Amino acid sequence: MRRHAGTYPLVIVAAVMTPAILLSACGSQTATAGAGATAGTRSPTASFVRQARLVIGRWDRSRAAMLWQTGLVLTAQGQLVQIPDNAGFDSQRQKDMFNSGHFSLATRLPAGSPGDVVRWASGATLRLPVEDARAAFAELATQTPCGGPYRCSSLGDLSVVSMRPATVALFTSRGLAQVPAWQFRAAQLPWAFTQVAVEPRALLVLPYDLTAEVGGPLRVSKDGRELTLTTMVGYCTGQPEPRATAQVYETAGAVVVGARVTYARVHVHVCAGVELKIQFRAALARPLGSRVVLDVGSGQPLALGSPP
């Protein structure tokens, strides 16, 4: 089963903070700052500009940069194979069979292929190469090593009894899209599942990266001159909320963004801490247009309207 994940060279830059807070008893809760936590753009520091130039240089040389405009970029892991929200497995053994690609074919492969057009909610379309039934089944039935209490040789296979062209709604770098797919049914499962049919050479899945300084979903104002972003910070409950301001570096082809976080000058040595999501805005010198927005911490692009 395909598990593509694009990789990017990482340039790690810590958010600039001025705290007098020591989070020594932090929990794992997450809070969200109110609208009052937003702030404008500040002039970038020299170190930010240096890192931003490195980020853009590495992006320009990456496979992701090419596919960003010409291919399909999925913005969440686990989208290549989709199962229904309420679907379940009868046993851990059956789940292992599914996740390790233990499938056998119990029907004839259909002729032809799904349509080769990706369609966005905006009305935009993109024609991409897709896999025929034989190639798609080979992607599904990988027979890869499995975990759990069973040796793969003893798992057996799920029997595919039906395979037909379909489409599936997925989050992409350009927003929600209908993507060509193959739908499968297995004799042992009461539900059908789908697999993206776009050929791997035209497809990229953005990896999740803990070094990201700025998060999404990315929102762009109607005039294209303002971005709405988020950043995650540690926070002591009961204290004034920290504030974030944006740092921005722009070129003709890219915009690099970062966050400067400022804490209130209070002295707390032990606190009940949470992880706080702060929303803030970044002003651009000119409309964003088709330029990519890159996070300075991870070097990854930020996608429009993707899940946070």
C-alpha atoms as a PDB file:
ATOM      1  CA  MET A   1       0.000   0.000   0.000  1.00  0.00           C
ATOM      2  CA  ARG A   2       1.410   3.397  -0.940  1.00  0.00           C
ATOM      3  CA  ARG A   3       2.679   5.564   1.844  1.00  0.00           C
ATOM      4  CA  HIS A   4       4.368   8.459   0.042  1.00  0.00           C
ATOM      5  CA  ALA A   5       5.688  11.239   2.175  1.00  0.00           C
ATOM      6  CA  GLY A   6       7.686  14.056   0.672  1.00  0.00           C
ATOM      7  CA  THR A   7      10.797  15.165   2.526  1.00  0.00           C
ATOM      8  CA  TYR A   8      12.258  18.612   2.862  1.00  0.00           C
ATOM      9  CA  PRO A   9      15.591  19.841   4.170  1.00  0.00           C
ATOM     10  CA  LEU A  10      14.875  21.344   7.552  1.00  0.00           C
ATOM     11  CA  VAL A  11      15.962  24.800   8.660  1.00  0.00           C
ATOM     12  CA  ILE A  12      15.103  25.158  12.314  1.00  0.00           C
ATOM     13  CA  VAL A  13      14.485  28.618  13.764  1.00  0.00           C
ATOM     14  CA  ALA A  14      13.054  29.076  17.235  1.00  0.00           C
ATOM     15  CA  ALA A  15      10.310  31.660  17.748  1.00  0.00           C
ATOM     16  CA  VAL A  16      11.615  34.819  19.434  1.00  0.00           C
ATOM     17  CA  MET A  17      10.122  35.127  22.899  1.00  0.00           C
ATOM     18  CA  THR A  18      10.522  37.528  25.802  1.00  0.00           C
ATOM     19  CA  PRO A  19       9.039  35.492  28.638  1.00  0.00           C
ATOM     20  CA  ALA A  20       9.501  35.739  32.346  1.00  0.00           C
ATOM     21  CA  ILE A  21       7.479  32.563  32.702  1.00  0.00           C
ATOM     22  CA  LEU A  22       8.839  29.178  33.629  1.00  0.00           C
ATOM     23  CA  LEU A  23       6.507  26.378  32.536  1.00  0.00           C
ATOM     24  CA  SER A  24       7.503  23.656  34.938  1.00  0.00           C
ATOM     25  CA  ALA A  25       4.159  21.910  35.340  1.00  0.00           C
ATOM     26  CA  CYS A  26       2.683  21.939  31.872  1.00  0.00           C
ATOM     27  CA  GLY A  27      -0.203  19.764  30.776  1.00  0.00           C
ATOM     28  CA  SER A  28      -1.189  18.480  27.387  1.00  0.00           C
ATOM     29  CA  GLN A  29      -4.368  20.524  26.968  1.00  0.00           C
ATOM     30  CA  THR A  30      -4.778  22.886  24.029  1.00  0.00           C
ATOM     31  CA  ALA A  31      -6.437  26.291  24.217  1.00  0.00           C
ATOM     32  CA  THR A  32      -7.098  28.841  21.494  1.00  0.00           C
ATOM     33  CA  ALA A  33      -6.334  32.524  21.857  1.00  0.00           C
ATOM     34  CA  GLY A  34      -9.110  34.974  21.160  1.00  0.00           C
ATOM     35  CA  ALA A  35      -9.214  37.565  18.419  1.00  0.00           C
ATOM     36  CA  GLY A  36      -7.414  40.015  20.689  1.00  0.00           C
ATOM     37  CA  ALA A  37      -4.234  37.950  20.353  1.00  0.00           C
ATOM     38  CA  THR A  38      -3.704  38.939  16.726  1.00  0.00           C
ATOM     39  CA  ALA A  39      -1.102  41.511  15.796  1.00  0.00           C
ATOM     40  CA  GLY A  40       0.510  42.991  12.724  1.00  0.00           C
ATOM     41  CA  THR A  41       3.740  42.415  10.835  1.00  0.00           C
ATOM     42  CA  ARG A  42       7.112  43.545  12.192  1.00  0.00           C
ATOM     43  CA  SER A  43      10.278  44.193  10.254  1.00  0.00           C
ATOM     44  CA  PRO A  44      12.175  40.902   9.951  1.00  0.00           C
ATOM     45  CA  THR A  45      15.382  40.419  11.888  1.00  0.00           C
ATOM     46  CA  ALA A  46      18.652  39.803  10.054  1.00  0.00           C
ATOM     47  CA  SER A  47      18.725  36.188  11.272  1.00  0.00           C
ATOM     48  CA  PHE A  48      15.184  35.641   9.986  1.00  0.00           C
ATOM     49  CA  VAL A  49      16.142  36.982   6.557  1.00  0.00           C
ATOM     50  CA  ARG A  50      19.178  34.677   6.396  1.00  0.00           C
ATOM     51  CA  GLN A  51      17.088  31.637   7.279  1.00  0.00           C
ATOM     52  CA  ALA A  52      14.318  32.678   4.898  1.00  0.00           C
ATOM     53  CA  ARG A  53      16.790  32.829   2.011  1.00  0.00           C
ATOM     54  CA  LEU A  54      18.010  29.337   2.866  1.00  0.00           C
ATOM     55  CA  VAL A  55      14.433  28.049   3.020  1.00  0.00           C
ATOM     56  CA  ILE A  56      13.620  29.494  -0.412  1.00  0.00           C
ATOM     57  CA  GLY A  57      16.832  28.142  -1.946  1.00  0.00           C
ATOM     58  CA  ARG A  58      16.112  24.631  -0.709  1.00  0.00           C
ATOM     59  CA  TRP A  59      12.468  24.847  -1.732  1.00  0.00           C
ATOM     60  CA  ASP A  60      13.404  25.887  -5.265  1.00  0.00           C
ATOM     61  CA  ARG A  61      15.533  22.731  -5.621  1.00  0.00           C
ATOM     62  CA  SER A  62      12.908  20.363  -4.185  1.00  0.00           C
ATOM     63  CA  ARG A  63      10.526  17.962  -5.893  1.00  0.00           C
ATOM     64  CA  ALA A  64       7.728  19.591  -3.921  1.00  0.00           C
ATOM     65  CA  ALA A  65       8.295  22.922  -5.633  1.00  0.00           C
ATOM     66  CA  MET A  66       7.771  21.313  -9.034  1.00  0.00           C
ATOM     67  CA  LEU A  67       4.638  19.421  -7.987  1.00  0.00           C
ATOM     68  CA  TRP A  68       3.173  22.445  -6.177  1.00  0.00           C
ATOM     69  CA  GLN A  69       2.172  23.939  -9.514  1.00  0.00           C
ATOM     70  CA  THR A  70       2.061  20.931 -11.841  1.00  0.00           C
ATOM     71  CA  GLY A  71       0.983  17.946  -9.706  1.00  0.00           C
ATOM     72  CA  LEU A  72      -1.222  16.853  -6.831  1.00  0.00           C
ATOM     73  CA  VAL A  73      -0.074  17.751  -3.308  1.00  0.00           C
ATOM     74  CA  LEU A  74      -2.049  16.187  -0.449  1.00  0.00           C
ATOM     75  CA  THR A  75      -1.798  18.082   2.816  1.00  0.00           C
ATOM     76  CA  ALA A  76      -2.614  15.333   5.333  1.00  0.00           C
ATOM     77  CA  GLN A  77      -1.099  11.921   5.974  1.00  0.00           C
ATOM     78  CA  GLY A  78      -3.305   8.873   5.483  1.00  0.00           C
ATOM     79  CA  GLN A  79      -5.225  10.219   2.488  1.00  0.00           C
ATOM     80  CA  LEU A  80      -3.942   7.766  -0.126  1.00  0.00           C
ATOM     81  CA  VAL A  81      -6.228   4.988   1.152  1.00  0.00           C
ATOM     82  CA  GLN A  82      -9.609   6.080   2.527  1.00  0.00           C
ATOM     83  CA  ILE A  83     -11.980   3.962   4.614  1.00  0.00           C
ATOM     84  CA  PRO A  84     -15.438   5.083   5.829  1.00  0.00           C
ATOM     85  CA  ASP A  85     -15.544   7.073   9.075  1.00  0.00           C
ATOM     86  CA  ASN A  86     -17.580   4.380  10.845  1.00  0.00           C
ATOM     87  CA  ALA A  87     -15.604   1.445   9.449  1.00  0.00           C
ATOM     88  CA  GLY A  88     -14.007  -1.086  11.756  1.00  0.00           C
ATOM     89  CA  PHE A  89     -12.220  -4.436  11.729  1.00  0.00           C
ATOM     90  CA  ASP A  90     -13.393  -7.690  13.278  1.00  0.00           C
ATOM     91  CA  SER A  91      -9.996  -8.323  14.859  1.00  0.00           C
ATOM     92  CA  GLN A  92      -6.465  -7.029  15.169  1.00  0.00           C
ATOM     93  CA  ARG A  93      -5.444  -9.803  12.803  1.00  0.00           C
ATOM     94  CA  GLN A  94      -7.805  -8.463  10.122  1.00  0.00           C
ATOM     95  CA  LYS A  95      -6.508  -4.930  10.688  1.00  0.00           C
ATOM     96  CA  ASP A  96      -2.933  -6.169  10.289  1.00  0.00           C
ATOM     97  CA  MET A  97      -3.887  -7.848   7.023  1.00  0.00           C
ATOM     98  CA  PHE A  98      -5.330  -4.575   5.712  1.00  0.00           C
ATOM     99  CA  ASN A  99      -2.506  -2.295   6.867  1.00  0.00           C
ATOM    100  CA  SER A 100       0.250  -4.583   5.603  1.00  0.00           C
ATOM    101  CA  GLY A 101      -1.278  -4.956   2.137  1.00  0.00           C
ATOM    102  CA  HIS A 102      -2.249  -8.620   2.414  1.00  0.00           C
ATOM    103  CA  PHE A 103      -4.764  -8.769  -0.445  1.00  0.00           C
ATOM    104  CA  SER A 104      -5.458 -11.346  -3.118  1.00  0.00           C
ATOM    105  CA  LEU A 105      -7.520 -10.894  -6.260  1.00  0.00           C
ATOM    106  CA  ALA A 106     -10.776 -12.881  -6.426  1.00  0.00           C
ATOM    107  CA  THR A 107     -12.252 -11.125  -9.456  1.00  0.00           C
ATOM    108  CA  ARG A 108     -11.248 -10.021 -12.942  1.00  0.00           C
ATOM    109  CA  LEU A 109      -9.459  -6.695 -13.219  1.00  0.00           C
ATOM    110  CA  PRO A 110     -11.653  -4.070 -14.899  1.00  0.00           C
ATOM    111  CA  ALA A 111     -10.574  -2.552 -18.189  1.00  0.00           C
ATOM    112  CA  GLY A 112      -9.729   1.124 -18.519  1.00  0.00           C
ATOM    113  CA  SER A 113      -8.911   3.626 -15.796  1.00  0.00           C
ATOM    114  CA  PRO A 114     -10.647   6.303 -13.718  1.00  0.00           C
ATOM    115  CA  GLY A 115     -10.938   9.764 -15.206  1.00  0.00           C
ATOM    116  CA  ASP A 116      -7.658  11.655 -15.179  1.00  0.00           C
ATOM    117  CA  VAL A 117      -8.968  15.064 -14.037  1.00  0.00           C
ATOM    118  CA  VAL A 118      -8.634  16.529 -10.531  1.00  0.00           C
ATOM    119  CA  ARG A 119     -11.411  19.055  -9.829  1.00  0.00           C
ATOM    120  CA  TRP A 120     -11.271  21.766  -7.161  1.00  0.00           C
ATOM    121  CA  ALA A 121     -14.221  23.453  -5.486  1.00  0.00           C
ATOM    122  CA  SER A 122     -13.140  26.702  -7.173  1.00  0.00           C
ATOM    123  CA  GLY A 123     -13.813  25.146 -10.573  1.00  0.00           C
ATOM    124  CA  ALA A 124     -10.136  24.719 -11.444  1.00  0.00           C
ATOM    125  CA  THR A 125      -9.082  21.409 -12.992  1.00  0.00           C
ATOM    126  CA  LEU A 126      -5.822  19.563 -13.609  1.00  0.00           C
ATOM    127  CA  ARG A 127      -5.230  16.552 -15.833  1.00  0.00           C
ATOM    128  CA  LEU A 128      -2.810  14.025 -14.322  1.00  0.00           C
ATOM    129  CA  PRO A 129      -1.617  10.499 -15.224  1.00  0.00           C
ATOM    130  CA  VAL A 130      -3.554   7.764 -13.419  1.00  0.00           C
ATOM    131  CA  GLU A 131      -2.942   4.065 -12.755  1.00  0.00           C
ATOM    132  CA  ASP A 132      -4.844   1.329 -14.521  1.00  0.00           C
ATOM    133  CA  ALA A 133      -6.434  -1.487 -12.511  1.00  0.00           C
ATOM    134  CA  ARG A 134      -3.378  -3.737 -12.617  1.00  0.00           C
ATOM    135  CA  ALA A 135      -1.009  -1.040 -11.335  1.00  0.00           C
ATOM    136  CA  ALA A 136      -3.487   0.085  -8.670  1.00  0.00           C
ATOM    137  CA  PHE A 137      -3.937  -3.443  -7.308  1.00  0.00           C
ATOM    138  CA  ALA A 138      -0.154  -3.879  -7.204  1.00  0.00           C
ATOM    139  CA  GLU A 139       0.039  -0.683  -5.108  1.00  0.00           C
ATOM    140  CA  LEU A 140      -2.589  -2.099  -2.748  1.00  0.00           C
ATOM    141  CA  ALA A 141      -1.306  -5.672  -2.395  1.00  0.00           C
ATOM    142  CA  THR A 142       2.221  -4.905  -1.227  1.00  0.00           C
ATOM    143  CA  GLN A 143       2.451  -7.846   1.212  1.00  0.00           C
ATOM    144  CA  THR A 144       4.696  -5.725   3.423  1.00  0.00           C
ATOM    145  CA  PRO A 145       6.016  -6.873   6.818  1.00  0.00           C
ATOM    146  CA  CYS A 146       3.414  -6.428   9.540  1.00  0.00           C
ATOM    147  CA  GLY A 147       3.484  -5.767  13.242  1.00  0.00           C
ATOM    148  CA  GLY A 148       1.326  -7.186  15.983  1.00  0.00           C
ATOM    149  CA  PRO A 149       1.292 -10.740  17.356  1.00  0.00           C
ATOM    150  CA  TYR A 150       1.094 -12.479  13.954  1.00  0.00           C
ATOM    151  CA  ARG A 151       3.848 -13.399  11.575  1.00  0.00           C
ATOM    152  CA  CYS A 152       3.011 -12.151   8.086  1.00  0.00           C
ATOM    153  CA  SER A 153       3.225 -15.674   6.712  1.00  0.00           C
ATOM    154  CA  SER A 154       0.323 -16.682   8.952  1.00  0.00           C
ATOM    155  CA  LEU A 155      -1.962 -13.730   8.269  1.00  0.00           C
ATOM    156  CA  GLY A 156      -3.586 -14.872   5.054  1.00  0.00           C
ATOM    157  CA  ASP A 157      -5.137 -12.401   2.613  1.00  0.00           C
ATOM    158  CA  LEU A 158      -8.226 -10.258   2.269  1.00  0.00           C
ATOM    159  CA  SER A 159      -9.975 -11.271  -0.969  1.00  0.00           C
ATOM    160  CA  VAL A 160     -10.762  -8.372  -3.315  1.00  0.00           C
ATOM    161  CA  VAL A 161     -14.087  -9.229  -4.992  1.00  0.00           C
ATOM    162  CA  SER A 162     -14.835  -5.896  -6.646  1.00  0.00           C
ATOM    163  CA  MET A 163     -12.811  -3.031  -8.115  1.00  0.00           C
ATOM    164  CA  ARG A 164     -14.219  -0.024  -9.950  1.00  0.00           C
ATOM    165  CA  PRO A 165     -13.291   3.582 -10.898  1.00  0.00           C
ATOM    166  CA  ALA A 166     -14.336   6.262  -8.402  1.00  0.00           C
ATOM    167  CA  THR A 167     -13.461   9.707  -7.045  1.00  0.00           C
ATOM    168  CA  VAL A 168     -12.641  10.796  -3.507  1.00  0.00           C
ATOM    169  CA  ALA A 169     -12.695  14.230  -1.819  1.00  0.00           C
ATOM    170  CA  LEU A 170      -9.279  15.121  -0.375  1.00  0.00           C
ATOM    171  CA  PHE A 171      -7.531  18.159   1.079  1.00  0.00           C
ATOM    172  CA  THR A 172      -4.813  19.432  -1.253  1.00  0.00           C
ATOM    173  CA  SER A 173      -2.444  22.393  -1.474  1.00  0.00           C
ATOM    174  CA  ARG A 174      -5.177  24.253  -3.382  1.00  0.00           C
ATOM    175  CA  GLY A 175      -8.076  23.323  -1.122  1.00  0.00           C
ATOM    176  CA  LEU A 176     -10.627  20.508  -1.243  1.00  0.00           C
ATOM    177  CA  ALA A 177     -10.623  18.543  -4.510  1.00  0.00           C
ATOM    178  CA  GLN A 178     -12.281  15.555  -6.144  1.00  0.00           C
ATOM    179  CA  VAL A 179      -9.455  13.153  -6.998  1.00  0.00           C
ATOM    180  CA  PRO A 180      -9.535  10.079  -9.305  1.00  0.00           C
ATOM    181  CA  ALA A 181      -9.506   6.845  -7.294  1.00  0.00           C
ATOM    182  CA  TRP A 182     -10.159   3.128  -7.382  1.00  0.00           C
ATOM    183  CA  GLN A 183     -12.823   1.665  -5.101  1.00  0.00           C
ATOM    184  CA  PHE A 184     -12.256  -1.831  -3.677  1.00  0.00           C
ATOM    185  CA  ARG A 185     -14.471  -4.316  -1.873  1.00  0.00           C
ATOM    186  CA  ALA A 186     -13.063  -7.259   0.069  1.00  0.00           C
ATOM    187  CA  ALA A 187     -15.091 -10.351   0.924  1.00  0.00           C
ATOM    188  CA  GLN A 188     -14.173 -10.119   4.612  1.00  0.00           C
ATOM    189  CA  LEU A 189     -15.101  -6.422   5.011  1.00  0.00           C
ATOM    190  CA  PRO A 190     -18.660  -5.018   5.032  1.00  0.00           C
ATOM    191  CA  TRP A 191     -17.521  -1.653   3.653  1.00  0.00           C
ATOM    192  CA  ALA A 192     -15.746  -0.422   0.527  1.00  0.00           C
ATOM    193  CA  PHE A 193     -12.525   1.589   0.553  1.00  0.00           C
ATOM    194  CA  THR A 194     -10.774   3.780  -2.002  1.00  0.00           C
ATOM    195  CA  GLN A 195      -7.198   4.350  -3.109  1.00  0.00           C
ATOM    196  CA  VAL A 196      -5.935   7.433  -4.952  1.00  0.00           C
ATOM    197  CA  ALA A 197      -5.371   6.559  -8.614  1.00  0.00           C
ATOM    198  CA  VAL A 198      -2.934   9.359  -9.506  1.00  0.00           C
ATOM    199  CA  GLU A 199       0.473   7.952 -10.471  1.00  0.00           C
ATOM    200  CA  PRO A 200       3.167   8.354  -7.767  1.00  0.00           C
ATOM    201  CA  ARG A 201       5.359  10.513 -10.021  1.00  0.00           C
ATOM    202  CA  ALA A 202       2.618  13.188 -10.089  1.00  0.00           C
ATOM    203  CA  LEU A 203       1.751  12.973  -6.391  1.00  0.00           C
ATOM    204  CA  LEU A 204       3.182  14.233  -3.107  1.00  0.00           C
ATOM    205  CA  VAL A 205       1.975  13.937   0.497  1.00  0.00           C
ATOM    206  CA  LEU A 206       3.233  16.687   2.792  1.00  0.00           C
ATOM    207  CA  PRO A 207       4.859  15.244   5.926  1.00  0.00           C
ATOM    208  CA  TYR A 208       3.885  16.317   9.432  1.00  0.00           C
ATOM    209  CA  ASP A 209       6.788  18.203  10.958  1.00  0.00           C
ATOM    210  CA  LEU A 210       7.255  19.087  14.638  1.00  0.00           C
ATOM    211  CA  THR A 211       9.764  21.839  13.744  1.00  0.00           C
ATOM    212  CA  ALA A 212       7.047  23.967  12.118  1.00  0.00           C
ATOM    213  CA  GLU A 213       6.892  27.477  13.576  1.00  0.00           C
ATOM    214  CA  VAL A 214       3.771  28.623  11.748  1.00  0.00           C
ATOM    215  CA  GLY A 215       0.688  26.514  11.128  1.00  0.00           C
ATOM    216  CA  GLY A 216      -2.526  26.551   9.163  1.00  0.00           C
ATOM    217  CA  PRO A 217      -5.052  26.551   7.843  1.00  0.00           C
ATOM    218  CA  LEU A 218      -3.712  29.400   5.742  1.00  0.00           C
ATOM    219  CA  ARG A 219      -6.265  32.103   4.983  1.00  0.00           C
ATOM    220  CA  VAL A 220      -5.716  34.852   2.440  1.00  0.00           C
ATOM    221  CA  SER A 221      -7.656  38.127   2.347  1.00  0.00           C
ATOM    222  CA  LYS A 222      -9.708  38.955  -0.741  1.00  0.00           C
ATOM    223  CA  ASP A 223      -7.138  41.474  -1.947  1.00  0.00           C
ATOM    224  CA  GLY A 224      -4.296  38.964  -1.367  1.00  0.00           C
ATOM    225  CA  ARG A 225      -2.341  41.348   0.848  1.00  0.00           C
ATOM    226  CA  GLU A 226      -2.932  39.749   4.258  1.00  0.00           C
ATOM    227  CA  LEU A 227      -2.394  36.198   5.530  1.00  0.00           C
ATOM    228  CA  THR A 228      -4.037  34.712   8.607  1.00  0.00           C
ATOM    229  CA  LEU A 229      -1.775  32.195  10.352  1.00  0.00           C
ATOM    230  CA  THR A 230      -1.415  30.339  13.661  1.00  0.00           C
ATOM    231  CA  THR A 231       1.424  29.371  15.977  1.00  0.00           C
ATOM    232  CA  MET A 232       1.531  27.092  19.033  1.00  0.00           C
ATOM    233  CA  VAL A 233       3.082  28.300  22.314  1.00  0.00           C
ATOM    234  CA  GLY A 234       3.315  27.211  25.938  1.00  0.00           C
ATOM    235  CA  TYR A 235       1.029  29.230  28.220  1.00  0.00           C
ATOM    236  CA  CYS A 236       0.256  29.526  31.919  1.00  0.00           C
ATOM    237  CA  THR A 237      -3.470  29.458  32.585  1.00  0.00           C
ATOM    238  CA  GLY A 238      -4.758  32.536  34.346  1.00  0.00           C
ATOM    239  CA  GLN A 239      -2.004  34.759  32.944  1.00  0.00           C
ATOM    240  CA  PRO A 240      -2.317  37.353  30.156  1.00  0.00           C
ATOM    241  CA  GLU A 241      -2.313  35.668  26.770  1.00  0.00           C
ATOM    242  CA  PRO A 242       0.941  35.975  24.781  1.00  0.00           C
ATOM    243  CA  ARG A 243       0.861  37.902  21.529  1.00  0.00           C
ATOM    244  CA  ALA A 244       2.305  36.952  18.149  1.00  0.00           C
ATOM    245  CA  THR A 245       3.576  39.193  15.397  1.00  0.00           C
ATOM    246  CA  ALA A 246       4.594  38.042  11.955  1.00  0.00           C
ATOM    247  CA  GLN A 247       7.948  38.178  10.260  1.00  0.00           C
ATOM    248  CA  VAL A 248       7.769  38.073   6.478  1.00  0.00           C
ATOM    249  CA  TYR A 249      10.323  37.741   3.688  1.00  0.00           C
ATOM    250  CA  GLU A 250       9.055  38.035   0.115  1.00  0.00           C
ATOM    251  CA  THR A 251      10.451  37.208  -3.309  1.00  0.00           C
ATOM    252  CA  ALA A 252       8.837  37.010  -6.741  1.00  0.00           C
ATOM    253  CA  GLY A 253       8.046  33.308  -6.225  1.00  0.00           C
ATOM    254  CA  ALA A 254       7.684  32.759  -2.471  1.00  0.00           C
ATOM    255  CA  VAL A 255       6.732  34.261   0.888  1.00  0.00           C
ATOM    256  CA  VAL A 256       8.466  33.000   4.049  1.00  0.00           C
ATOM    257  CA  VAL A 257       6.628  33.573   7.330  1.00  0.00           C
ATOM    258  CA  GLY A 258       7.615  33.237  10.959  1.00  0.00           C
ATOM    259  CA  ALA A 259       6.192  34.182  14.375  1.00  0.00           C
ATOM    260  CA  ARG A 260       7.599  36.380  17.129  1.00  0.00           C
ATOM    261  CA  VAL A 261       5.857  35.586  20.408  1.00  0.00           C
ATOM    262  CA  THR A 262       5.826  38.051  23.300  1.00  0.00           C
ATOM    263  CA  TYR A 263       4.755  37.127  26.827  1.00  0.00           C
ATOM    264  CA  ALA A 264       3.529  39.453  29.553  1.00  0.00           C
ATOM    265  CA  ARG A 265       6.263  40.207  32.087  1.00  0.00           C
ATOM    266  CA  VAL A 266       4.941  38.198  35.019  1.00  0.00           C
ATOM    267  CA  HIS A 267       6.916  35.940  37.333  1.00  0.00           C
ATOM    268  CA  VAL A 268       5.427  32.466  37.706  1.00  0.00           C
ATOM    269  CA  HIS A 269       7.693  29.568  38.608  1.00  0.00           C
ATOM    270  CA  VAL A 270       5.111  26.771  38.672  1.00  0.00           C
ATOM    271  CA  CYS A 271       1.880  26.845  36.713  1.00  0.00           C
ATOM    272  CA  ALA A 272      -0.859  24.760  35.153  1.00  0.00           C
ATOM    273  CA  GLY A 273       0.304  25.021  31.568  1.00  0.00           C
ATOM    274  CA  VAL A 274      -1.471  24.415  28.290  1.00  0.00           C
ATOM    275  CA  GLU A 275      -0.506  24.516  24.640  1.00  0.00           C
ATOM    276  CA  LEU A 276      -2.044  27.669  23.220  1.00  0.00           C
ATOM    277  CA  LYS A 277      -2.838  28.262  19.558  1.00  0.00           C
ATOM    278  CA  ILE A 278      -2.437  31.937  18.681  1.00  0.00           C
ATOM    279  CA  GLN A 279      -3.927  33.366  15.515  1.00  0.00           C
ATOM    280  CA  PHE A 280      -2.151  36.308  13.941  1.00  0.00           C
ATOM    281  CA  ARG A 281      -1.961  38.182  10.651  1.00  0.00           C
ATOM    282  CA  ALA A 282       0.862  38.938   8.252  1.00  0.00           C
ATOM    283  CA  ALA A 283       0.733  41.876   5.854  1.00  0.00           C
ATOM    284  CA  LEU A 284       2.346  41.498   2.417  1.00  0.00           C
ATOM    285  CA  ALA A 285       3.995  44.164   0.304  1.00  0.00           C
ATOM    286  CA  ARG A 286       1.967  43.024  -2.702  1.00  0.00           C
ATOM    287  CA  PRO A 287      -0.835  40.491  -3.368  1.00  0.00           C
ATOM    288  CA  LEU A 288       0.135  36.871  -2.804  1.00  0.00           C
ATOM    289  CA  GLY A 289      -1.000  35.686  -6.233  1.00  0.00           C
ATOM    290  CA  SER A 290       0.416  32.279  -7.146  1.00  0.00           C
ATOM    291  CA  ARG A 291       3.387  32.530  -4.772  1.00  0.00           C
ATOM    292  CA  VAL A 292       3.956  29.718  -2.277  1.00  0.00           C
ATOM    293  CA  VAL A 293       3.917  30.480   1.489  1.00  0.00           C
ATOM    294  CA  LEU A 294       6.725  28.703   3.383  1.00  0.00           C
ATOM    295  CA  ASP A 295       7.137  28.189   7.134  1.00  0.00           C
ATOM    296  CA  VAL A 296      10.561  29.388   8.290  1.00  0.00           C
ATOM    297  CA  GLY A 297      10.889  26.628  10.891  1.00  0.00           C
ATOM    298  CA  SER A 298      10.316  23.534   8.776  1.00  0.00           C
ATOM    299  CA  GLY A 299      10.696  24.847   5.229  1.00  0.00           C
ATOM    300  CA  GLN A 300       7.312  23.317   4.399  1.00  0.00           C
ATOM    301  CA  PRO A 301       4.617  25.074   2.365  1.00  0.00           C
ATOM    302  CA  LEU A 302       1.358  26.157   3.978  1.00  0.00           C
ATOM    303  CA  ALA A 303      -1.757  25.034   2.149  1.00  0.00           C
ATOM    304  CA  LEU A 304      -4.959  26.992   1.630  1.00  0.00           C
ATOM    305  CA  GLY A 305      -7.820  25.818   3.752  1.00  0.00           C
ATOM    306  CA  SER A 306      -6.228  22.555   4.855  1.00  0.00           C
ATOM    307  CA  PRO A 307      -7.011  21.058   8.256  1.00  0.00           C
ATOM    308  CA  PRO A 308      -4.864  22.470  11.089  1.00  0.00           C
END
